[in-house]
Amino acid sequence: MAAPATTRVSYAEYLAVEAASAVRHAYVAGTVVAMAGGTIEHGRLIAQMQYLLRGALAGKPCVVLASDVRVRIRAAERATYPDIFVVCGELQRDPEDPQAVINPQLVIEVLSESTALTDREAKNFDYRRLPSVSEYVLISQRTPSVEVFRRSGPRRWTVEEVIAGERVVLASIGAELAVDEIYRDGLGAILATAPSPNGA
């Protein structure tokens, strides 16, 4: 039996859906996708990371934006709401969508069970298609671990994992953060629920 045909939605139609809905949606290659809500741990990590970034960027011409602001990636036919992103200098809006930003330097996603695969693969690839993006950061909810994907040349990226007791260097915005501060207050609970090395 043939699969039913999928109706492609234009970006203008997507914007109409967003304007009329209380639920946020992503736009992915002509498809409108509802975005799930996060856990308490997810929200706490986002809030703590925003707090640390704002402190680190005080006095710099940078703005820290959260998941109620869209980023549009025209080359990937995607519009989405990163957990956190940073723009330094002039903030550029999409000509078709004044509420969407097109020039983040740093994009951060807090991993969850439902989004981890997309964040690691499809979104990782798509964010790289924005020339402005220099670093893409993934923050684990399960263990004190931060992964930094860093542009090192044309079509070349490196990845670095930073763990408890270490510091995350965010070269794209000239900032450095302690992993233990990112997980502050929730670090003990995360460590208590993390799998042991022997799998017990």
N, C-alpha and C. Protein backbone atom coordinates (compact mmCIF):
# COMPACT_ATOMS: atom_id res chain seq x y z
N MET A 1 0.85 -1.19 0.00
CA MET A 1 0.00 0.00 0.00
C MET A 1 0.89 1.25 0.00
N ALA A 2 0.61 2.17 -0.89
CA ALA A 2 1.42 3.38 -1.01
C ALA A 2 1.19 4.29 0.19
N ALA A 3 2.26 4.97 0.61
CA ALA A 3 2.15 5.94 1.71
C ALA A 3 1.39 7.16 1.23
N PRO A 4 0.57 7.78 2.08
CA PRO A 4 -0.17 8.97 1.68
C PRO A 4 0.77 10.11 1.33
N ALA A 5 0.39 10.89 0.35
CA ALA A 5 1.21 12.02 -0.07
C ALA A 5 1.27 13.06 1.04
N THR A 6 2.42 13.65 1.21
CA THR A 6 2.60 14.69 2.22
C THR A 6 2.50 16.06 1.56
N THR A 7 1.65 16.90 2.11
CA THR A 7 1.47 18.24 1.55
C THR A 7 2.58 19.15 2.07
N ARG A 8 3.28 19.77 1.15
CA ARG A 8 4.35 20.67 1.52
C ARG A 8 3.77 22.02 1.93
N VAL A 9 4.25 22.56 3.01
CA VAL A 9 3.78 23.83 3.54
C VAL A 9 4.80 24.91 3.20
N SER A 10 4.34 26.04 2.72
CA SER A 10 5.26 27.14 2.43
C SER A 10 5.69 27.81 3.74
N TYR A 11 6.76 28.60 3.66
CA TYR A 11 7.21 29.28 4.87
C TYR A 11 6.17 30.29 5.34
N ALA A 12 5.49 30.93 4.41
CA ALA A 12 4.43 31.88 4.78
C ALA A 12 3.30 31.16 5.52
N GLU A 13 2.96 29.97 5.07
CA GLU A 13 1.91 29.19 5.75
C GLU A 13 2.38 28.77 7.14
N TYR A 14 3.66 28.41 7.25
CA TYR A 14 4.22 28.08 8.56
C TYR A 14 4.10 29.26 9.52
N LEU A 15 4.43 30.45 9.05
CA LEU A 15 4.34 31.63 9.91
C LEU A 15 2.91 31.88 10.35
N ALA A 16 1.95 31.60 9.49
CA ALA A 16 0.53 31.76 9.85
C ALA A 16 0.16 30.77 10.95
N VAL A 17 0.67 29.54 10.86
CA VAL A 17 0.43 28.53 11.90
C VAL A 17 1.02 29.00 13.23
N GLU A 18 2.25 29.51 13.19
CA GLU A 18 2.90 29.98 14.42
C GLU A 18 2.14 31.14 15.06
N ALA A 19 1.66 32.05 14.23
CA ALA A 19 0.97 33.23 14.75
C ALA A 19 -0.34 32.86 15.44
N ALA A 20 -0.95 31.75 15.01
CA ALA A 20 -2.26 31.36 15.55
C ALA A 20 -2.16 30.31 16.66
N SER A 21 -0.96 29.82 16.94
CA SER A 21 -0.81 28.70 17.87
C SER A 21 -0.13 29.10 19.16
N ALA A 22 -0.56 28.47 20.25
CA ALA A 22 0.09 28.68 21.54
C ALA A 22 1.29 27.74 21.69
N VAL A 23 1.41 26.77 20.79
CA VAL A 23 2.50 25.80 20.80
C VAL A 23 3.53 26.19 19.75
N ARG A 24 4.80 26.13 20.08
CA ARG A 24 5.84 26.46 19.11
C ARG A 24 6.04 25.30 18.13
N HIS A 25 6.36 25.66 16.90
CA HIS A 25 6.62 24.67 15.87
C HIS A 25 7.94 24.97 15.18
N ALA A 26 8.60 23.92 14.72
CA ALA A 26 9.75 24.07 13.85
C ALA A 26 9.29 23.91 12.41
N TYR A 27 10.08 24.45 11.50
CA TYR A 27 9.80 24.28 10.07
C TYR A 27 10.97 23.50 9.49
N VAL A 28 10.67 22.32 8.94
CA VAL A 28 11.73 21.45 8.44
C VAL A 28 11.37 20.98 7.03
N ALA A 29 12.02 21.58 6.04
CA ALA A 29 11.85 21.18 4.64
C ALA A 29 10.38 21.07 4.24
N GLY A 30 9.60 22.10 4.56
CA GLY A 30 8.21 22.12 4.15
C GLY A 30 7.23 21.45 5.09
N THR A 31 7.73 20.97 6.21
CA THR A 31 6.89 20.30 7.20
C THR A 31 6.87 21.12 8.49
N VAL A 32 5.69 21.22 9.10
CA VAL A 32 5.55 21.93 10.37
C VAL A 32 5.56 20.89 11.49
N VAL A 33 6.49 21.04 12.43
CA VAL A 33 6.68 20.05 13.48
C VAL A 33 6.49 20.69 14.85
N ALA A 34 5.54 20.18 15.63
CA ALA A 34 5.32 20.70 16.98
C ALA A 34 6.51 20.37 17.86
N MET A 35 6.89 21.33 18.71
CA MET A 35 8.03 21.14 19.60
C MET A 35 7.55 20.77 21.00
N ALA A 36 8.13 19.70 21.54
CA ALA A 36 7.73 19.20 22.85
C ALA A 36 8.25 20.10 23.96
N GLY A 37 7.54 20.07 25.09
CA GLY A 37 8.01 20.80 26.27
C GLY A 37 9.17 20.08 26.92
N GLY A 38 9.90 20.78 27.77
CA GLY A 38 11.08 20.20 28.41
C GLY A 38 10.81 19.78 29.83
N THR A 39 11.78 19.08 30.42
CA THR A 39 11.70 18.66 31.81
C THR A 39 12.18 19.78 32.73
N ILE A 40 12.00 19.58 34.02
CA ILE A 40 12.50 20.56 35.00
C ILE A 40 14.01 20.66 34.89
N GLU A 41 14.69 19.51 34.75
CA GLU A 41 16.15 19.52 34.64
C GLU A 41 16.60 20.27 33.39
N HIS A 42 15.89 20.06 32.31
CA HIS A 42 16.18 20.74 31.05
C HIS A 42 16.07 22.26 31.23
N GLY A 43 14.97 22.69 31.84
CA GLY A 43 14.76 24.12 32.07
C GLY A 43 15.77 24.72 33.01
N ARG A 44 16.18 23.96 34.02
CA ARG A 44 17.15 24.47 34.99
C ARG A 44 18.51 24.68 34.34
N LEU A 45 18.91 23.74 33.49
CA LEU A 45 20.20 23.88 32.82
C LEU A 45 20.19 25.06 31.85
N ILE A 46 19.09 25.26 31.17
CA ILE A 46 18.99 26.41 30.26
C ILE A 46 19.10 27.71 31.04
N ALA A 47 18.35 27.79 32.15
CA ALA A 47 18.35 29.01 32.96
C ALA A 47 19.74 29.30 33.52
N GLN A 48 20.42 28.27 34.02
CA GLN A 48 21.76 28.46 34.58
C GLN A 48 22.76 28.88 33.51
N MET A 49 22.65 28.27 32.33
CA MET A 49 23.57 28.62 31.24
C MET A 49 23.34 30.06 30.78
N GLN A 50 22.09 30.48 30.70
CA GLN A 50 21.80 31.87 30.34
C GLN A 50 22.42 32.84 31.36
N TYR A 51 22.25 32.50 32.63
CA TYR A 51 22.78 33.34 33.71
C TYR A 51 24.30 33.47 33.59
N LEU A 52 24.99 32.35 33.38
CA LEU A 52 26.45 32.37 33.28
C LEU A 52 26.92 33.13 32.04
N LEU A 53 26.22 32.94 30.92
CA LEU A 53 26.60 33.64 29.70
C LEU A 53 26.42 35.15 29.84
N ARG A 54 25.31 35.56 30.44
CA ARG A 54 25.08 37.00 30.61
C ARG A 54 26.17 37.62 31.48
N GLY A 55 26.58 36.90 32.51
CA GLY A 55 27.66 37.41 33.36
C GLY A 55 28.97 37.49 32.60
N ALA A 56 29.27 36.45 31.82
CA ALA A 56 30.53 36.41 31.08
C ALA A 56 30.58 37.45 29.97
N LEU A 57 29.42 37.83 29.45
CA LEU A 57 29.36 38.76 28.33
C LEU A 57 29.03 40.19 28.75
N ALA A 58 28.97 40.45 30.04
CA ALA A 58 28.66 41.80 30.52
C ALA A 58 29.64 42.81 29.94
N GLY A 59 29.10 43.87 29.35
CA GLY A 59 29.94 44.90 28.78
C GLY A 59 30.35 44.65 27.34
N LYS A 60 30.04 43.46 26.82
CA LYS A 60 30.37 43.13 25.44
C LYS A 60 29.14 43.36 24.55
N PRO A 61 29.33 43.64 23.27
CA PRO A 61 28.20 43.90 22.38
C PRO A 61 27.53 42.61 21.91
N CYS A 62 27.10 41.81 22.88
CA CYS A 62 26.49 40.52 22.59
C CYS A 62 25.14 40.41 23.29
N VAL A 63 24.23 39.64 22.70
CA VAL A 63 22.93 39.40 23.31
C VAL A 63 22.71 37.89 23.40
N VAL A 64 22.21 37.46 24.57
CA VAL A 64 21.89 36.05 24.80
C VAL A 64 20.39 35.88 24.61
N LEU A 65 20.01 34.99 23.72
CA LEU A 65 18.60 34.78 23.41
C LEU A 65 18.20 33.34 23.72
N ALA A 66 16.93 33.18 24.10
CA ALA A 66 16.45 31.88 24.54
C ALA A 66 15.47 31.28 23.54
N SER A 67 14.83 30.19 23.96
CA SER A 67 14.06 29.35 23.05
C SER A 67 12.72 29.93 22.62
N ASP A 68 12.43 31.17 22.93
CA ASP A 68 11.22 31.78 22.38
C ASP A 68 11.55 32.62 21.14
N VAL A 69 12.79 32.56 20.67
CA VAL A 69 13.21 33.30 19.48
C VAL A 69 13.66 32.30 18.41
N ARG A 70 13.15 32.49 17.20
CA ARG A 70 13.48 31.59 16.10
C ARG A 70 14.83 31.91 15.47
N VAL A 71 15.46 30.86 14.93
CA VAL A 71 16.59 30.99 14.03
C VAL A 71 16.18 30.35 12.71
N ARG A 72 16.39 31.08 11.62
CA ARG A 72 16.07 30.51 10.31
C ARG A 72 17.35 30.16 9.57
N ILE A 73 17.36 28.95 9.01
CA ILE A 73 18.49 28.46 8.23
C ILE A 73 17.97 28.21 6.82
N ARG A 74 18.06 29.19 5.97
CA ARG A 74 17.49 29.07 4.63
C ARG A 74 18.12 27.92 3.84
N ALA A 75 19.44 27.75 3.93
CA ALA A 75 20.12 26.73 3.16
C ALA A 75 19.65 25.32 3.50
N ALA A 76 19.09 25.16 4.70
CA ALA A 76 18.62 23.85 5.15
C ALA A 76 17.10 23.76 5.18
N GLU A 77 16.43 24.83 4.77
CA GLU A 77 14.96 24.89 4.84
C GLU A 77 14.48 24.55 6.25
N ARG A 78 15.10 25.18 7.23
CA ARG A 78 14.74 24.93 8.62
C ARG A 78 14.58 26.24 9.37
N ALA A 79 13.55 26.30 10.21
CA ALA A 79 13.42 27.35 11.22
C ALA A 79 13.18 26.62 12.53
N THR A 80 13.91 27.00 13.55
CA THR A 80 13.80 26.29 14.81
C THR A 80 14.07 27.23 15.97
N TYR A 81 13.89 26.72 17.17
CA TYR A 81 14.06 27.51 18.38
C TYR A 81 15.16 26.89 19.23
N PRO A 82 16.40 27.32 19.06
CA PRO A 82 17.48 26.76 19.89
C PRO A 82 17.22 27.05 21.37
N ASP A 83 17.73 26.18 22.23
CA ASP A 83 17.57 26.43 23.66
C ASP A 83 18.19 27.76 24.05
N ILE A 84 19.38 28.04 23.52
CA ILE A 84 20.08 29.31 23.76
C ILE A 84 20.91 29.62 22.52
N PHE A 85 21.00 30.89 22.17
CA PHE A 85 22.00 31.28 21.18
C PHE A 85 22.48 32.69 21.46
N VAL A 86 23.63 33.02 20.92
CA VAL A 86 24.26 34.31 21.18
C VAL A 86 24.58 34.99 19.86
N VAL A 87 24.25 36.28 19.79
CA VAL A 87 24.62 37.13 18.65
C VAL A 87 25.50 38.26 19.18
N CYS A 88 26.64 38.43 18.56
CA CYS A 88 27.52 39.54 18.91
C CYS A 88 27.56 40.53 17.75
N GLY A 89 27.48 41.81 18.06
CA GLY A 89 27.40 42.80 16.99
C GLY A 89 25.97 42.97 16.52
N GLU A 90 25.81 43.32 15.27
CA GLU A 90 24.47 43.59 14.73
C GLU A 90 23.65 42.32 14.59
N LEU A 91 22.45 42.34 15.14
CA LEU A 91 21.52 41.22 15.01
C LEU A 91 20.82 41.32 13.66
N GLN A 92 20.90 40.26 12.87
CA GLN A 92 20.30 40.27 11.54
C GLN A 92 19.03 39.43 11.52
N ARG A 93 17.97 40.02 10.94
CA ARG A 93 16.68 39.33 10.84
C ARG A 93 16.47 38.79 9.43
N ASP A 94 15.68 37.73 9.35
CA ASP A 94 15.36 37.17 8.04
C ASP A 94 14.42 38.12 7.30
N PRO A 95 14.68 38.39 6.01
CA PRO A 95 13.83 39.33 5.26
C PRO A 95 12.36 38.93 5.20
N GLU A 96 12.08 37.62 5.17
CA GLU A 96 10.70 37.14 5.12
C GLU A 96 10.08 36.99 6.50
N ASP A 97 10.92 36.96 7.51
CA ASP A 97 10.44 36.65 8.87
C ASP A 97 11.19 37.53 9.87
N PRO A 98 10.67 38.72 10.13
CA PRO A 98 11.37 39.66 11.02
C PRO A 98 11.58 39.15 12.44
N GLN A 99 10.87 38.08 12.83
CA GLN A 99 11.03 37.53 14.17
C GLN A 99 12.07 36.40 14.20
N ALA A 100 12.72 36.16 13.07
CA ALA A 100 13.74 35.10 13.01
C ALA A 100 15.12 35.71 12.83
N VAL A 101 16.07 35.22 13.61
CA VAL A 101 17.47 35.67 13.54
C VAL A 101 18.23 34.76 12.58
N ILE A 102 19.18 35.32 11.83
CA ILE A 102 19.93 34.52 10.86
C ILE A 102 21.44 34.53 11.09
N ASN A 103 21.91 35.18 12.17
CA ASN A 103 23.37 35.25 12.36
C ASN A 103 23.85 34.96 13.78
N PRO A 104 23.43 33.83 14.38
CA PRO A 104 24.01 33.48 15.68
C PRO A 104 25.46 33.07 15.53
N GLN A 105 26.29 33.42 16.51
CA GLN A 105 27.68 32.95 16.51
C GLN A 105 27.80 31.63 17.28
N LEU A 106 27.00 31.52 18.33
CA LEU A 106 27.04 30.36 19.22
C LEU A 106 25.62 29.83 19.38
N VAL A 107 25.45 28.51 19.22
CA VAL A 107 24.15 27.87 19.42
C VAL A 107 24.33 26.77 20.45
N ILE A 108 23.40 26.71 21.41
CA ILE A 108 23.48 25.72 22.49
C ILE A 108 22.17 24.96 22.58
N GLU A 109 22.27 23.62 22.66
CA GLU A 109 21.10 22.78 22.88
C GLU A 109 21.36 21.91 24.11
N VAL A 110 20.35 21.82 24.99
CA VAL A 110 20.41 20.90 26.12
C VAL A 110 19.75 19.61 25.68
N LEU A 111 20.49 18.51 25.74
CA LEU A 111 19.99 17.24 25.24
C LEU A 111 18.87 16.69 26.11
N SER A 112 17.87 16.11 25.45
CA SER A 112 16.82 15.38 26.16
C SER A 112 16.61 14.06 25.44
N GLU A 113 15.88 13.14 26.08
CA GLU A 113 15.67 11.82 25.49
C GLU A 113 15.00 11.93 24.12
N SER A 114 14.06 12.85 23.98
CA SER A 114 13.27 12.94 22.75
C SER A 114 13.97 13.70 21.62
N THR A 115 14.95 14.55 21.97
CA THR A 115 15.56 15.41 20.95
C THR A 115 17.04 15.13 20.70
N ALA A 116 17.65 14.26 21.49
CA ALA A 116 19.11 14.07 21.43
C ALA A 116 19.58 13.68 20.03
N LEU A 117 18.88 12.76 19.38
CA LEU A 117 19.32 12.31 18.06
C LEU A 117 19.25 13.45 17.05
N THR A 118 18.16 14.21 17.06
CA THR A 118 18.03 15.35 16.14
C THR A 118 19.08 16.40 16.43
N ASP A 119 19.31 16.69 17.71
CA ASP A 119 20.31 17.70 18.08
C ASP A 119 21.71 17.28 17.64
N ARG A 120 22.01 16.00 17.76
CA ARG A 120 23.35 15.52 17.42
C ARG A 120 23.57 15.42 15.91
N GLU A 121 22.51 15.11 15.16
CA GLU A 121 22.69 14.85 13.75
C GLU A 121 22.10 15.94 12.86
N ALA A 122 20.79 15.96 12.65
CA ALA A 122 20.19 16.89 11.69
C ALA A 122 20.44 18.35 12.03
N LYS A 123 20.18 18.73 13.28
CA LYS A 123 20.38 20.12 13.66
C LYS A 123 21.86 20.49 13.64
N ASN A 124 22.70 19.58 14.08
CA ASN A 124 24.14 19.82 14.07
C ASN A 124 24.59 20.17 12.65
N PHE A 125 24.17 19.37 11.69
CA PHE A 125 24.54 19.62 10.30
C PHE A 125 23.94 20.93 9.80
N ASP A 126 22.67 21.16 10.12
CA ASP A 126 21.99 22.36 9.60
C ASP A 126 22.56 23.65 10.17
N TYR A 127 22.84 23.68 11.47
CA TYR A 127 23.41 24.90 12.06
C TYR A 127 24.75 25.24 11.42
N ARG A 128 25.50 24.23 11.04
CA ARG A 128 26.81 24.47 10.41
C ARG A 128 26.67 25.19 9.07
N ARG A 129 25.48 25.15 8.49
CA ARG A 129 25.26 25.79 7.19
C ARG A 129 25.05 27.30 7.32
N LEU A 130 24.96 27.77 8.55
CA LEU A 130 24.94 29.22 8.79
C LEU A 130 26.38 29.70 8.88
N PRO A 131 26.83 30.56 7.98
CA PRO A 131 28.23 31.01 7.99
C PRO A 131 28.63 31.68 9.31
N SER A 132 27.65 32.25 10.00
CA SER A 132 27.95 32.97 11.24
C SER A 132 28.27 32.04 12.41
N VAL A 133 27.80 30.80 12.37
CA VAL A 133 27.96 29.89 13.51
C VAL A 133 29.40 29.39 13.59
N SER A 134 30.05 29.69 14.71
CA SER A 134 31.43 29.23 14.95
C SER A 134 31.48 28.06 15.91
N GLU A 135 30.48 27.98 16.81
CA GLU A 135 30.45 26.89 17.78
C GLU A 135 29.02 26.41 18.01
N TYR A 136 28.90 25.10 18.16
CA TYR A 136 27.63 24.45 18.47
C TYR A 136 27.87 23.60 19.70
N VAL A 137 27.09 23.83 20.76
CA VAL A 137 27.34 23.20 22.05
C VAL A 137 26.17 22.32 22.46
N LEU A 138 26.49 21.11 22.92
CA LEU A 138 25.49 20.18 23.45
C LEU A 138 25.77 19.96 24.92
N ILE A 139 24.72 20.14 25.74
CA ILE A 139 24.83 19.97 27.19
C ILE A 139 24.00 18.76 27.61
N SER A 140 24.62 17.82 28.30
CA SER A 140 23.93 16.61 28.72
C SER A 140 23.10 16.86 29.98
N GLN A 141 21.93 16.23 30.02
CA GLN A 141 21.12 16.26 31.25
C GLN A 141 21.51 15.13 32.19
N ARG A 142 22.14 14.09 31.66
CA ARG A 142 22.36 12.86 32.42
C ARG A 142 23.69 12.84 33.16
N THR A 143 24.70 13.48 32.57
CA THR A 143 26.03 13.52 33.20
C THR A 143 26.60 14.92 33.03
N PRO A 144 27.52 15.33 33.90
CA PRO A 144 28.14 16.65 33.74
C PRO A 144 29.11 16.63 32.56
N SER A 145 28.57 16.83 31.37
CA SER A 145 29.36 16.73 30.15
C SER A 145 28.88 17.76 29.14
N VAL A 146 29.82 18.49 28.56
CA VAL A 146 29.51 19.51 27.57
C VAL A 146 30.36 19.22 26.33
N GLU A 147 29.72 19.13 25.17
CA GLU A 147 30.44 18.91 23.92
C GLU A 147 30.43 20.20 23.11
N VAL A 148 31.59 20.59 22.63
CA VAL A 148 31.72 21.81 21.83
C VAL A 148 32.19 21.43 20.42
N PHE A 149 31.32 21.68 19.44
CA PHE A 149 31.69 21.52 18.04
C PHE A 149 32.16 22.88 17.56
N ARG A 150 33.39 22.95 17.07
CA ARG A 150 34.01 24.24 16.76
C ARG A 150 34.48 24.28 15.30
N ARG A 151 34.10 25.34 14.60
CA ARG A 151 34.55 25.50 13.21
C ARG A 151 36.05 25.80 13.21
N SER A 152 36.79 25.00 12.45
CA SER A 152 38.25 25.19 12.40
C SER A 152 38.74 25.51 11.00
N GLY A 153 37.83 25.60 10.05
CA GLY A 153 38.19 25.92 8.68
C GLY A 153 37.01 25.64 7.77
N PRO A 154 37.14 25.93 6.48
CA PRO A 154 36.05 25.64 5.55
C PRO A 154 35.69 24.15 5.58
N ARG A 155 34.45 23.84 5.91
CA ARG A 155 33.95 22.46 5.99
C ARG A 155 34.75 21.60 6.96
N ARG A 156 35.36 22.22 7.94
CA ARG A 156 36.14 21.46 8.92
C ARG A 156 35.71 21.87 10.32
N TRP A 157 35.36 20.87 11.13
CA TRP A 157 34.94 21.11 12.51
C TRP A 157 35.68 20.15 13.43
N THR A 158 35.96 20.61 14.63
CA THR A 158 36.53 19.74 15.66
C THR A 158 35.50 19.61 16.78
N VAL A 159 35.64 18.58 17.59
CA VAL A 159 34.74 18.41 18.73
C VAL A 159 35.57 18.17 19.99
N GLU A 160 35.13 18.77 21.07
CA GLU A 160 35.81 18.64 22.35
C GLU A 160 34.78 18.35 23.43
N GLU A 161 35.04 17.34 24.25
CA GLU A 161 34.16 17.05 25.39
C GLU A 161 34.82 17.59 26.65
N VAL A 162 34.04 18.32 27.44
CA VAL A 162 34.54 18.91 28.68
C VAL A 162 33.67 18.36 29.81
N ILE A 163 34.30 17.92 30.90
CA ILE A 163 33.56 17.25 31.97
C ILE A 163 33.75 17.98 33.30
N ALA A 164 33.13 17.41 34.35
CA ALA A 164 33.18 18.01 35.69
C ALA A 164 34.62 18.32 36.09
N GLY A 165 34.81 19.50 36.70
CA GLY A 165 36.13 19.91 37.14
C GLY A 165 36.92 20.66 36.09
N GLU A 166 36.37 20.73 34.86
CA GLU A 166 37.07 21.40 33.77
C GLU A 166 36.31 22.67 33.36
N ARG A 167 36.89 23.39 32.41
CA ARG A 167 36.29 24.64 31.95
C ARG A 167 35.99 24.56 30.46
N VAL A 168 34.86 25.12 30.07
CA VAL A 168 34.44 25.16 28.67
C VAL A 168 34.91 26.47 28.07
N VAL A 169 35.71 26.39 27.02
CA VAL A 169 36.16 27.58 26.30
C VAL A 169 35.22 27.81 25.13
N LEU A 170 34.59 28.99 25.10
CA LEU A 170 33.70 29.37 24.01
C LEU A 170 34.39 30.49 23.24
N ALA A 171 35.24 30.09 22.31
CA ALA A 171 36.07 31.04 21.58
C ALA A 171 35.23 31.99 20.73
N SER A 172 34.06 31.53 20.29
CA SER A 172 33.21 32.34 19.40
C SER A 172 32.76 33.63 20.06
N ILE A 173 32.67 33.63 21.39
CA ILE A 173 32.19 34.82 22.10
C ILE A 173 33.21 35.30 23.14
N GLY A 174 34.40 34.69 23.15
CA GLY A 174 35.43 35.11 24.09
C GLY A 174 35.07 34.88 25.53
N ALA A 175 34.48 33.71 25.83
CA ALA A 175 34.05 33.41 27.20
C ALA A 175 34.56 32.04 27.63
N GLU A 176 34.63 31.85 28.94
CA GLU A 176 35.07 30.58 29.51
C GLU A 176 34.23 30.30 30.74
N LEU A 177 33.65 29.09 30.82
CA LEU A 177 32.74 28.75 31.91
C LEU A 177 33.17 27.44 32.56
N ALA A 178 33.01 27.35 33.88
CA ALA A 178 33.30 26.12 34.60
C ALA A 178 32.13 25.15 34.44
N VAL A 179 32.42 23.91 34.09
CA VAL A 179 31.37 22.90 33.96
C VAL A 179 30.60 22.76 35.28
N ASP A 180 31.31 22.78 36.40
CA ASP A 180 30.64 22.63 37.70
C ASP A 180 29.64 23.76 37.95
N GLU A 181 29.90 24.94 37.42
CA GLU A 181 28.95 26.05 37.58
C GLU A 181 27.71 25.84 36.72
N ILE A 182 27.89 25.26 35.54
CA ILE A 182 26.73 24.97 34.68
C ILE A 182 25.78 24.02 35.40
N TYR A 183 26.35 23.04 36.09
CA TYR A 183 25.54 22.02 36.77
C TYR A 183 25.35 22.33 38.25
N ARG A 184 25.65 23.52 38.66
CA ARG A 184 25.54 23.89 40.08
C ARG A 184 24.13 23.63 40.61
N ASP A 185 24.02 23.14 41.82
CA ASP A 185 22.78 22.80 42.51
C ASP A 185 22.18 21.51 41.99
N GLY A 186 22.30 21.24 40.70
CA GLY A 186 21.77 19.99 40.18
C GLY A 186 22.84 18.95 39.95
N LEU A 187 24.11 19.29 40.17
CA LEU A 187 25.20 18.38 39.87
C LEU A 187 25.13 17.11 40.71
N GLY A 188 24.84 17.24 42.01
CA GLY A 188 24.77 16.06 42.87
C GLY A 188 23.71 15.08 42.42
N ALA A 189 22.54 15.60 42.03
CA ALA A 189 21.45 14.73 41.59
C ALA A 189 21.81 14.03 40.28
N ILE A 190 22.46 14.76 39.38
CA ILE A 190 22.85 14.17 38.10
C ILE A 190 23.86 13.05 38.32
N LEU A 191 24.87 13.30 39.18
CA LEU A 191 25.88 12.30 39.46
C LEU A 191 25.26 11.07 40.13
N ALA A 192 24.27 11.30 40.99
CA ALA A 192 23.65 10.19 41.72
C ALA A 192 22.87 9.27 40.79
N THR A 193 22.34 9.83 39.69
CA THR A 193 21.52 9.03 38.79
C THR A 193 22.29 8.56 37.56
N ALA A 194 23.54 9.01 37.42
CA ALA A 194 24.34 8.61 36.25
C ALA A 194 24.73 7.15 36.35
N PRO A 195 24.77 6.41 35.22
CA PRO A 195 25.19 5.00 35.25
C PRO A 195 26.62 4.89 35.74
N SER A 196 26.92 3.86 36.51
CA SER A 196 28.27 3.64 36.97
C SER A 196 29.11 3.07 35.83
N PRO A 197 30.45 3.20 35.90
CA PRO A 197 31.30 2.72 34.81
C PRO A 197 31.14 1.23 34.51
N ASN A 198 30.80 0.40 35.54
CA ASN A 198 30.66 -1.02 35.32
C ASN A 198 29.25 -1.42 34.94
N GLY A 199 28.38 -0.41 34.73
CA GLY A 199 27.03 -0.69 34.28
C GLY A 199 26.07 -1.07 35.37
N ALA A 200 26.50 -1.04 36.63
CA ALA A 200 25.64 -1.43 37.75
C ALA A 200 24.56 -0.39 37.99
